[in-house]
Amino acid sequence: MNDYRGLLIKKQRKELDISLEALSHGVCSPSYLSKIENNILVANDDIYNLLFKKLGICTMDTIKEERIKQMLDLFFKYYMSSDSKIFKIIDELLEYKGEVASSCLFVQYQLFLLFASELNSQINISLAEVEAYYSYMDDSQREYFNLFRLSSGNIELSDNEEWIFIRRLKAKANLYSYQKNVFAAYDLYKTCLNYAVELGNKMLIAEILCSLGWLCLDIDLNQAEKYYTSAAQYDSQYKMLAFYNLGATMMQHKDCMEKGNQYLKKGLKSCTDDFFVVKYKEALFVYAILKENIDDAKRLIKELDDSKYIDVFSMMLDNDYPLNVDYQNRLKELKNDSSLFKFLFIKNCEYLHKYKEICVANNFI
């Protein structure tokens, strides 16, 4: 589901402080309206039109909407090609900021603002603000969002033209990486690294080294380790990202498990970001389960109340958790969330195959 109209209805209803019951009266049930707003179902056009009328929502003129759509397409084309004409497009698109709220282009426009914020310090929007619309994005929009998330946006804004050029070049490398075009991504990252070294920007160097480390995780773990540890030495703020990625990946390899555990412990000790604290503890919990250190696992799970995967981890405390059908189903849902869950999914499949006779006898598979 990615119907923008549910989003518009929800935003306008809350702005007008109208209850679900009041808005849905004479149109549909409150529960049905809730599902529309939360992108669980798409209703027919008549229902949307009735709800729009009650909320006073006027949609954008189709000619103007098509014009903005063309400019948004141009923006992303220029961004990926590092075309200087992008700055003119940004200025033009910003003129419509107040009008797109009632347009089907709203989500795409938020993505534009996110990318443009790296090139224009007057644009103030966060990754979290745009992520709130993730469920309303189509596949291509999610690809752009994940691309931006990969590029991290951790460096302070700068007017330095060379810096901006490297950032746009790195965005292309991120796109290659996201599309699994590993060799093209690697070559472009190395080019970015050379430019960053010439500029002498340690923070930029560290960010690109982290990108190279990420790219090498599934190809050459030793090389990934070199890139990540170098990034941490250039700029200490990248240590928590570098040590988490190294630790969470190494613990998935039998011969590197202990080294991975050490990276996770060292990273957690110096971690100051609440998000990463939870991620570290999740990985350490999985390590404890794999090593059958149940006492450590029980201690860690008490500190994972903020984890959105707490249900999975709770199931893993049971002795026969690999046979738990709910656990198996959750792993199927989560296997694309992170490499850690992909690893657990594969490991669980191996376990079920190994004990196939038991599983069949108990109707587990």
Foldseek 3Di string as FASTA:
>chain_A
DQFCLLCLLVVLCVVVVHQLCRLCVPQHHSVVSVCSNVVVDDDDPVSSVSSCVVSVQDADDPVVLVVLVVLLVVLVVCLLVVNPCNVVSVVVNVVCVVPCSRYSCVLSVLLSLLVCCLVDVVRDDDLVRSVVSVSNDDPVSVLSSVLVVLLVPPDDRDPDPLVSSLSSLLSNLSSCVSVVVLVVSLVSLVVSLVSCVVVVDLLSNLSSLQSNLVSCLVPPLVSSLVSLVVSCVSPVVSLLVSLLSSLLSQCLDPVRNVVSLVSLVVSLVPDDDPVSVLSSLVSNLVSCLVVVVLVSNVVSLVVNPVPPCNVLSVLSSDPPSLLDLVNLVVLVVCLPVDVNSVSVNVVSVVVCVVVVVVSVVVVSD
